[in-house]
Amino acid sequence: MSDRLFLPLRHRMTNIKVDMSLGLSRFEQQLISRAELLDISGTMVSVVTAEDLQLLKILAGRPQDMQDARGIVAAQSKGLIGNTA
């Protein structure tokens, strides 16, 4: 049995899909330890770093995830860790 649990969500008004990970595996706990707190409409939410999100997208490997990973590079390229440009 996998120790990775995801809760698929969809925002009703925008129809945006979100996969919420429950953070049970050691790997996910490491992601959480690096997460950044963001204020989203007055609520503080832990969000994985752009680097960790890119890694998750690449590991998922679905066509949409690969497109998302490329989008992260395009949007965050100057701020990503390890960028030498």
PDB file of N, CA and C in Angstrom:
ATOM      1  N   MET A   1       0.843  -1.184   0.000  1.00  0.00           N
ATOM      2  CA  MET A   1       0.000   0.000   0.000  1.00  0.00           C
ATOM      3  C   MET A   1       0.887   1.245   0.000  1.00  0.00           C
ATOM      4  N   SER A   2       0.538   2.226  -0.792  1.00  0.00           N
ATOM      5  CA  SER A   2       1.285   3.471  -0.871  1.00  0.00           C
ATOM      6  C   SER A   2       0.990   4.343   0.339  1.00  0.00           C
ATOM      7  N   ASP A   3       2.023   5.090   0.793  1.00  0.00           N
ATOM      8  CA  ASP A   3       1.794   6.014   1.894  1.00  0.00           C
ATOM      9  C   ASP A   3       1.558   7.426   1.373  1.00  0.00           C
ATOM     10  N   ARG A   4       1.257   7.542   0.085  1.00  0.00           N
ATOM     11  CA  ARG A   4       0.951   8.843  -0.516  1.00  0.00           C
ATOM     12  C   ARG A   4      -0.553   8.946  -0.698  1.00  0.00           C
ATOM     13  N   LEU A   5      -1.130   9.965  -0.107  1.00  0.00           N
ATOM     14  CA  LEU A   5      -2.566  10.181  -0.245  1.00  0.00           C
ATOM     15  C   LEU A   5      -2.813  11.569  -0.819  1.00  0.00           C
ATOM     16  N   PHE A   6      -3.639  11.612  -1.852  1.00  0.00           N
ATOM     17  CA  PHE A   6      -3.991  12.876  -2.479  1.00  0.00           C
ATOM     18  C   PHE A   6      -5.488  13.063  -2.408  1.00  0.00           C
ATOM     19  N   LEU A   7      -5.874  14.292  -2.191  1.00  0.00           N
ATOM     20  CA  LEU A   7      -7.283  14.655  -2.189  1.00  0.00           C
ATOM     21  C   LEU A   7      -7.516  15.579  -3.374  1.00  0.00           C
ATOM     22  N   PRO A   8      -8.150  15.065  -4.441  1.00  0.00           N
ATOM     23  CA  PRO A   8      -8.396  15.922  -5.604  1.00  0.00           C
ATOM     24  C   PRO A   8      -9.544  16.890  -5.322  1.00  0.00           C
ATOM     25  N   LEU A   9      -9.291  18.160  -5.556  1.00  0.00           N
ATOM     26  CA  LEU A   9     -10.293  19.203  -5.320  1.00  0.00           C
ATOM     27  C   LEU A   9     -10.501  20.012  -6.588  1.00  0.00           C
ATOM     28  N   ARG A  10     -11.651  20.669  -6.672  1.00  0.00           N
ATOM     29  CA  ARG A  10     -11.943  21.567  -7.787  1.00  0.00           C
ATOM     30  C   ARG A  10     -12.686  22.782  -7.235  1.00  0.00           C
ATOM     31  N   HIS A  11     -12.167  23.965  -7.544  1.00  0.00           N
ATOM     32  CA  HIS A  11     -12.803  25.208  -7.110  1.00  0.00           C
ATOM     33  C   HIS A  11     -14.074  25.399  -7.940  1.00  0.00           C
ATOM     34  N   ARG A  12     -15.198  25.527  -7.287  1.00  0.00           N
ATOM     35  CA  ARG A  12     -16.485  25.583  -7.989  1.00  0.00           C
ATOM     36  C   ARG A  12     -16.603  26.772  -8.940  1.00  0.00           C
ATOM     37  N   MET A  13     -16.157  27.945  -8.511  1.00  0.00           N
ATOM     38  CA  MET A  13     -16.368  29.149  -9.323  1.00  0.00           C
ATOM     39  C   MET A  13     -15.423  29.228 -10.523  1.00  0.00           C
ATOM     40  N   THR A  14     -14.176  28.775 -10.343  1.00  0.00           N
ATOM     41  CA  THR A  14     -13.194  28.893 -11.427  1.00  0.00           C
ATOM     42  C   THR A  14     -12.942  27.582 -12.152  1.00  0.00           C
ATOM     43  N   ASN A  15     -13.401  26.470 -11.586  1.00  0.00           N
ATOM     44  CA  ASN A  15     -13.208  25.140 -12.142  1.00  0.00           C
ATOM     45  C   ASN A  15     -11.729  24.727 -12.130  1.00  0.00           C
ATOM     46  N   ILE A  16     -10.910  25.388 -11.309  1.00  0.00           N
ATOM     47  CA  ILE A  16      -9.492  25.051 -11.196  1.00  0.00           C
ATOM     48  C   ILE A  16      -9.347  23.801 -10.335  1.00  0.00           C
ATOM     49  N   LYS A  17      -8.545  22.833 -10.835  1.00  0.00           N
ATOM     50  CA  LYS A  17      -8.282  21.599 -10.106  1.00  0.00           C
ATOM     51  C   LYS A  17      -7.067  21.791  -9.203  1.00  0.00           C
ATOM     52  N   VAL A  18      -7.143  21.199  -8.015  1.00  0.00           N
ATOM     53  CA  VAL A  18      -6.037  21.219  -7.064  1.00  0.00           C
ATOM     54  C   VAL A  18      -5.904  19.823  -6.483  1.00  0.00           C
ATOM     55  N   ASP A  19      -4.674  19.298  -6.433  1.00  0.00           N
ATOM     56  CA  ASP A  19      -4.405  18.037  -5.759  1.00  0.00           C
ATOM     57  C   ASP A  19      -3.776  18.363  -4.415  1.00  0.00           C
ATOM     58  N   MET A  20      -4.471  18.034  -3.338  1.00  0.00           N
ATOM     59  CA  MET A  20      -3.945  18.286  -2.005  1.00  0.00           C
ATOM     60  C   MET A  20      -3.300  16.997  -1.506  1.00  0.00           C
ATOM     61  N   SER A  21      -2.023  17.076  -1.172  1.00  0.00           N
ATOM     62  CA  SER A  21      -1.301  15.932  -0.631  1.00  0.00           C
ATOM     63  C   SER A  21      -1.400  15.961   0.881  1.00  0.00           C
ATOM     64  N   LEU A  22      -1.599  14.802   1.466  1.00  0.00           N
ATOM     65  CA  LEU A  22      -1.778  14.741   2.905  1.00  0.00           C
ATOM     66  C   LEU A  22      -0.461  14.622   3.671  1.00  0.00           C
ATOM     67  N   GLY A  23       0.669  14.530   2.978  1.00  0.00           N
ATOM     68  CA  GLY A  23       1.985  14.627   3.590  1.00  0.00           C
ATOM     69  C   GLY A  23       2.355  13.508   4.539  1.00  0.00           C
ATOM     70  N   LEU A  24       2.056  12.279   4.172  1.00  0.00           N
ATOM     71  CA  LEU A  24       2.353  11.165   5.062  1.00  0.00           C
ATOM     72  C   LEU A  24       3.737  10.550   4.829  1.00  0.00           C
ATOM     73  N   SER A  25       4.245  10.601   3.608  1.00  0.00           N
ATOM     74  CA  SER A  25       5.534   9.966   3.326  1.00  0.00           C
ATOM     75  C   SER A  25       6.683  10.849   3.803  1.00  0.00           C
ATOM     76  N   ARG A  26       7.842  10.253   3.987  1.00  0.00           N
ATOM     77  CA  ARG A  26       9.039  11.014   4.386  1.00  0.00           C
ATOM     78  C   ARG A  26       9.349  12.081   3.340  1.00  0.00           C
ATOM     79  N   PHE A  27       9.227  11.713   2.069  1.00  0.00           N
ATOM     80  CA  PHE A  27       9.467  12.650   0.970  1.00  0.00           C
ATOM     81  C   PHE A  27       8.544  13.859   1.095  1.00  0.00           C
ATOM     82  N   GLU A  28       7.264  13.609   1.311  1.00  0.00           N
ATOM     83  CA  GLU A  28       6.301  14.705   1.441  1.00  0.00           C
ATOM     84  C   GLU A  28       6.579  15.541   2.686  1.00  0.00           C
ATOM     85  N   GLN A  29       7.030  14.914   3.751  1.00  0.00           N
ATOM     86  CA  GLN A  29       7.372  15.663   4.951  1.00  0.00           C
ATOM     87  C   GLN A  29       8.554  16.595   4.700  1.00  0.00           C
ATOM     88  N   GLN A  30       9.496  16.165   3.865  1.00  0.00           N
ATOM     89  CA  GLN A  30      10.613  17.036   3.494  1.00  0.00           C
ATOM     90  C   GLN A  30      10.106  18.231   2.689  1.00  0.00           C
ATOM     91  N   LEU A  31       9.160  17.990   1.779  1.00  0.00           N
ATOM     92  CA  LEU A  31       8.572  19.090   1.014  1.00  0.00           C
ATOM     93  C   LEU A  31       7.900  20.089   1.941  1.00  0.00           C
ATOM     94  N   ILE A  32       7.174  19.576   2.920  1.00  0.00           N
ATOM     95  CA  ILE A  32       6.470  20.436   3.868  1.00  0.00           C
ATOM     96  C   ILE A  32       7.454  21.273   4.679  1.00  0.00           C
ATOM     97  N   SER A  33       8.585  20.676   5.041  1.00  0.00           N
ATOM     98  CA  SER A  33       9.571  21.410   5.844  1.00  0.00           C
ATOM     99  C   SER A  33      10.145  22.594   5.079  1.00  0.00           C
ATOM    100  N   ARG A  34      10.121  22.531   3.746  1.00  0.00           N
ATOM    101  CA  ARG A  34      10.634  23.624   2.917  1.00  0.00           C
ATOM    102  C   ARG A  34       9.522  24.556   2.433  1.00  0.00           C
ATOM    103  N   ALA A  35       8.288  24.244   2.745  1.00  0.00           N
ATOM    104  CA  ALA A  35       7.146  25.017   2.235  1.00  0.00           C
ATOM    105  C   ALA A  35       7.205  26.467   2.697  1.00  0.00           C
ATOM    106  N   GLU A  36       6.558  27.317   1.901  1.00  0.00           N
ATOM    107  CA  GLU A  36       6.477  28.741   2.190  1.00  0.00           C
ATOM    108  C   GLU A  36       5.057  29.078   2.610  1.00  0.00           C
ATOM    109  N   LEU A  37       4.921  29.954   3.599  1.00  0.00           N
ATOM    110  CA  LEU A  37       3.600  30.404   4.016  1.00  0.00           C
ATOM    111  C   LEU A  37       3.154  31.555   3.127  1.00  0.00           C
ATOM    112  N   LEU A  38       1.975  31.423   2.562  1.00  0.00           N
ATOM    113  CA  LEU A  38       1.404  32.471   1.726  1.00  0.00           C
ATOM    114  C   LEU A  38       0.064  32.905   2.305  1.00  0.00           C
ATOM    115  N   ASP A  39      -0.194  34.190   2.221  1.00  0.00           N
ATOM    116  CA  ASP A  39      -1.483  34.732   2.641  1.00  0.00           C
ATOM    117  C   ASP A  39      -2.413  34.679   1.435  1.00  0.00           C
ATOM    118  N   ILE A  40      -3.414  33.823   1.504  1.00  0.00           N
ATOM    119  CA  ILE A  40      -4.387  33.697   0.425  1.00  0.00           C
ATOM    120  C   ILE A  40      -5.728  34.149   0.967  1.00  0.00           C
ATOM    121  N   SER A  41      -6.116  35.345   0.584  1.00  0.00           N
ATOM    122  CA  SER A  41      -7.383  35.941   1.027  1.00  0.00           C
ATOM    123  C   SER A  41      -7.534  35.921   2.542  1.00  0.00           C
ATOM    124  N   GLY A  42      -6.455  36.255   3.251  1.00  0.00           N
ATOM    125  CA  GLY A  42      -6.512  36.337   4.694  1.00  0.00           C
ATOM    126  C   GLY A  42      -6.268  35.035   5.425  1.00  0.00           C
ATOM    127  N   THR A  43      -6.010  33.961   4.696  1.00  0.00           N
ATOM    128  CA  THR A  43      -5.722  32.674   5.314  1.00  0.00           C
ATOM    129  C   THR A  43      -4.285  32.283   4.980  1.00  0.00           C
ATOM    130  N   MET A  44      -3.497  31.955   6.009  1.00  0.00           N
ATOM    131  CA  MET A  44      -2.119  31.531   5.783  1.00  0.00           C
ATOM    132  C   MET A  44      -2.122  30.064   5.363  1.00  0.00           C
ATOM    133  N   VAL A  45      -1.495  29.790   4.211  1.00  0.00           N
ATOM    134  CA  VAL A  45      -1.484  28.452   3.629  1.00  0.00           C
ATOM    135  C   VAL A  45      -0.044  28.057   3.329  1.00  0.00           C
ATOM    136  N   SER A  46       0.338  26.830   3.689  1.00  0.00           N
ATOM    137  CA  SER A  46       1.655  26.310   3.342  1.00  0.00           C
ATOM    138  C   SER A  46       1.633  25.833   1.896  1.00  0.00           C
ATOM    139  N   VAL A  47       2.593  26.311   1.115  1.00  0.00           N
ATOM    140  CA  VAL A  47       2.665  25.971  -0.303  1.00  0.00           C
ATOM    141  C   VAL A  47       4.086  25.506  -0.607  1.00  0.00           C
ATOM    142  N   VAL A  48       4.218  24.403  -1.341  1.00  0.00           N
ATOM    143  CA  VAL A  48       5.561  23.926  -1.675  1.00  0.00           C
ATOM    144  C   VAL A  48       6.302  24.967  -2.499  1.00  0.00           C
ATOM    145  N   THR A  49       7.623  24.920  -2.443  1.00  0.00           N
ATOM    146  CA  THR A  49       8.439  25.838  -3.226  1.00  0.00           C
ATOM    147  C   THR A  49       8.271  25.540  -4.711  1.00  0.00           C
ATOM    148  N   ALA A  50       8.645  26.495  -5.542  1.00  0.00           N
ATOM    149  CA  ALA A  50       8.556  26.295  -6.996  1.00  0.00           C
ATOM    150  C   ALA A  50       9.415  25.111  -7.425  1.00  0.00           C
ATOM    151  N   GLU A  51      10.586  24.957  -6.795  1.00  0.00           N
ATOM    152  CA  GLU A  51      11.471  23.831  -7.136  1.00  0.00           C
ATOM    153  C   GLU A  51      10.823  22.497  -6.800  1.00  0.00           C
ATOM    154  N   ASP A  52      10.195  22.421  -5.609  1.00  0.00           N
ATOM    155  CA  ASP A  52       9.544  21.174  -5.213  1.00  0.00           C
ATOM    156  C   ASP A  52       8.303  20.896  -6.055  1.00  0.00           C
ATOM    157  N   LEU A  53       7.564  21.933  -6.408  1.00  0.00           N
ATOM    158  CA  LEU A  53       6.402  21.751  -7.275  1.00  0.00           C
ATOM    159  C   LEU A  53       6.841  21.227  -8.639  1.00  0.00           C
ATOM    160  N   GLN A  54       7.930  21.772  -9.149  1.00  0.00           N
ATOM    161  CA  GLN A  54       8.444  21.298 -10.435  1.00  0.00           C
ATOM    162  C   GLN A  54       8.828  19.823 -10.335  1.00  0.00           C
ATOM    163  N   LEU A  55       9.482  19.432  -9.264  1.00  0.00           N
ATOM    164  CA  LEU A  55       9.849  18.035  -9.057  1.00  0.00           C
ATOM    165  C   LEU A  55       8.610  17.148  -9.003  1.00  0.00           C
ATOM    166  N   LEU A  56       7.592  17.565  -8.263  1.00  0.00           N
ATOM    167  CA  LEU A  56       6.355  16.786  -8.184  1.00  0.00           C
ATOM    168  C   LEU A  56       5.707  16.619  -9.556  1.00  0.00           C
ATOM    169  N   LYS A  57       5.713  17.691 -10.339  1.00  0.00           N
ATOM    170  CA  LYS A  57       5.127  17.630 -11.683  1.00  0.00           C
ATOM    171  C   LYS A  57       5.893  16.649 -12.564  1.00  0.00           C
ATOM    172  N   ILE A  58       7.219  16.699 -12.504  1.00  0.00           N
ATOM    173  CA  ILE A  58       8.042  15.797 -13.322  1.00  0.00           C
ATOM    174  C   ILE A  58       7.832  14.355 -12.884  1.00  0.00           C
ATOM    175  N   LEU A  59       7.767  14.104 -11.576  1.00  0.00           N
ATOM    176  CA  LEU A  59       7.533  12.743 -11.082  1.00  0.00           C
ATOM    177  C   LEU A  59       6.173  12.213 -11.499  1.00  0.00           C
ATOM    178  N   ALA A  60       5.159  13.074 -11.539  1.00  0.00           N
ATOM    179  CA  ALA A  60       3.817  12.638 -11.967  1.00  0.00           C
ATOM    180  C   ALA A  60       3.853  12.235 -13.437  1.00  0.00           C
ATOM    181  N   GLY A  61       4.565  13.023 -14.250  1.00  0.00           N
ATOM    182  CA  GLY A  61       4.840  12.648 -15.631  1.00  0.00           C
ATOM    183  C   GLY A  61       3.694  12.672 -16.621  1.00  0.00           C
ATOM    184  N   ARG A  62       2.514  13.075 -16.219  1.00  0.00           N
ATOM    185  CA  ARG A  62       1.405  13.151 -17.168  1.00  0.00           C
ATOM    186  C   ARG A  62       1.647  14.337 -18.096  1.00  0.00           C
ATOM    187  N   PRO A  63       1.060  14.315 -19.301  1.00  0.00           N
ATOM    188  CA  PRO A  63       1.288  15.420 -20.240  1.00  0.00           C
ATOM    189  C   PRO A  63       1.012  16.798 -19.634  1.00  0.00           C
ATOM    190  N   GLN A  64      -0.077  16.951 -18.909  1.00  0.00           N
ATOM    191  CA  GLN A  64      -0.383  18.252 -18.295  1.00  0.00           C
ATOM    192  C   GLN A  64       0.664  18.630 -17.252  1.00  0.00           C
ATOM    193  N   ASP A  65       1.135  17.637 -16.487  1.00  0.00           N
ATOM    194  CA  ASP A  65       2.163  17.907 -15.481  1.00  0.00           C
ATOM    195  C   ASP A  65       3.468  18.359 -16.132  1.00  0.00           C
ATOM    196  N   MET A  66       3.840  17.735 -17.245  1.00  0.00           N
ATOM    197  CA  MET A  66       5.067  18.130 -17.940  1.00  0.00           C
ATOM    198  C   MET A  66       4.936  19.548 -18.492  1.00  0.00           C
ATOM    199  N   GLN A  67       3.752  19.878 -18.994  1.00  0.00           N
ATOM    200  CA  GLN A  67       3.502  21.239 -19.472  1.00  0.00           C
ATOM    201  C   GLN A  67       3.574  22.224 -18.298  1.00  0.00           C
ATOM    202  N   ASP A  68       3.009  21.832 -17.164  1.00  0.00           N
ATOM    203  CA  ASP A  68       3.074  22.671 -15.967  1.00  0.00           C
ATOM    204  C   ASP A  68       4.519  22.888 -15.524  1.00  0.00           C
ATOM    205  N   ALA A  69       5.343  21.827 -15.565  1.00  0.00           N
ATOM    206  CA  ALA A  69       6.751  21.933 -15.162  1.00  0.00           C
ATOM    207  C   ALA A  69       7.484  22.936 -16.055  1.00  0.00           C
ATOM    208  N   ARG A  70       7.211  22.899 -17.348  1.00  0.00           N
ATOM    209  CA  ARG A  70       7.825  23.879 -18.267  1.00  0.00           C
ATOM    210  C   ARG A  70       7.332  25.287 -17.941  1.00  0.00           C
ATOM    211  N   GLY A  71       6.068  25.407 -17.570  1.00  0.00           N
ATOM    212  CA  GLY A  71       5.518  26.705 -17.206  1.00  0.00           C
ATOM    213  C   GLY A  71       6.157  27.264 -15.942  1.00  0.00           C
ATOM    214  N   ILE A  72       6.480  26.392 -15.000  1.00  0.00           N
ATOM    215  CA  ILE A  72       7.153  26.834 -13.778  1.00  0.00           C
ATOM    216  C   ILE A  72       8.517  27.410 -14.114  1.00  0.00           C
ATOM    217  N   VAL A  73       9.234  26.745 -15.001  1.00  0.00           N
ATOM    218  CA  VAL A  73      10.546  27.256 -15.414  1.00  0.00           C
ATOM    219  C   VAL A  73      10.388  28.610 -16.089  1.00  0.00           C
ATOM    220  N   ALA A  74       9.410  28.730 -16.970  1.00  0.00           N
ATOM    221  CA  ALA A  74       9.207  29.993 -17.688  1.00  0.00           C
ATOM    222  C   ALA A  74       8.834  31.123 -16.728  1.00  0.00           C
ATOM    223  N   ALA A  75       7.990  30.818 -15.758  1.00  0.00           N
ATOM    224  CA  ALA A  75       7.502  31.864 -14.851  1.00  0.00           C
ATOM    225  C   ALA A  75       8.480  32.193 -13.733  1.00  0.00           C
ATOM    226  N   GLN A  76       9.256  31.202 -13.302  1.00  0.00           N
ATOM    227  CA  GLN A  76      10.087  31.368 -12.107  1.00  0.00           C
ATOM    228  C   GLN A  76      11.579  31.226 -12.387  1.00  0.00           C
ATOM    229  N   SER A  77      11.984  31.197 -13.641  1.00  0.00           N
ATOM    230  CA  SER A  77      13.361  30.820 -13.988  1.00  0.00           C
ATOM    231  C   SER A  77      14.426  31.610 -13.231  1.00  0.00           C
ATOM    232  N   LYS A  78      14.244  32.881 -13.048  1.00  0.00           N
ATOM    233  CA  LYS A  78      15.279  33.677 -12.371  1.00  0.00           C
ATOM    234  C   LYS A  78      15.310  33.432 -10.886  1.00  0.00           C
ATOM    235  N   GLY A  79      14.217  32.936 -10.330  1.00  0.00           N
ATOM    236  CA  GLY A  79      14.161  32.722  -8.880  1.00  0.00           C
ATOM    237  C   GLY A  79      14.393  31.291  -8.455  1.00  0.00           C
ATOM    238  N   LEU A  80      14.529  30.361  -9.406  1.00  0.00           N
ATOM    239  CA  LEU A  80      14.707  28.960  -9.035  1.00  0.00           C
ATOM    240  C   LEU A  80      16.092  28.727  -8.468  1.00  0.00           C
ATOM    241  N   ILE A  81      16.173  27.881  -7.454  1.00  0.00           N
ATOM    242  CA  ILE A  81      17.465  27.527  -6.870  1.00  0.00           C
ATOM    243  C   ILE A  81      18.297  26.797  -7.918  1.00  0.00           C
ATOM    244  N   GLY A  82      19.558  27.135  -7.983  1.00  0.00           N
ATOM    245  CA  GLY A  82      20.457  26.485  -8.922  1.00  0.00           C
ATOM    246  C   GLY A  82      20.527  27.168 -10.271  1.00  0.00           C
ATOM    247  N   ASN A  83      19.737  28.213 -10.474  1.00  0.00           N
ATOM    248  CA  ASN A  83      19.759  28.935 -11.748  1.00  0.00           C
ATOM    249  C   ASN A  83      21.046  29.769 -11.812  1.00  0.00           C
ATOM    250  N   THR A  84      21.801  29.557 -12.872  1.00  0.00           N
ATOM    251  CA  THR A  84      23.060  30.287 -13.017  1.00  0.00           C
ATOM    252  C   THR A  84      22.962  31.394 -14.055  1.00  0.00           C
ATOM    253  N   ALA A  85      21.759  31.580 -14.627  1.00  0.00           N
ATOM    254  CA  ALA A  85      21.589  32.612 -15.655  1.00  0.00           C
ATOM    255  C   ALA A  85      21.506  33.987 -15.049  1.00  0.00           C
TER     256      ALA A  85
END
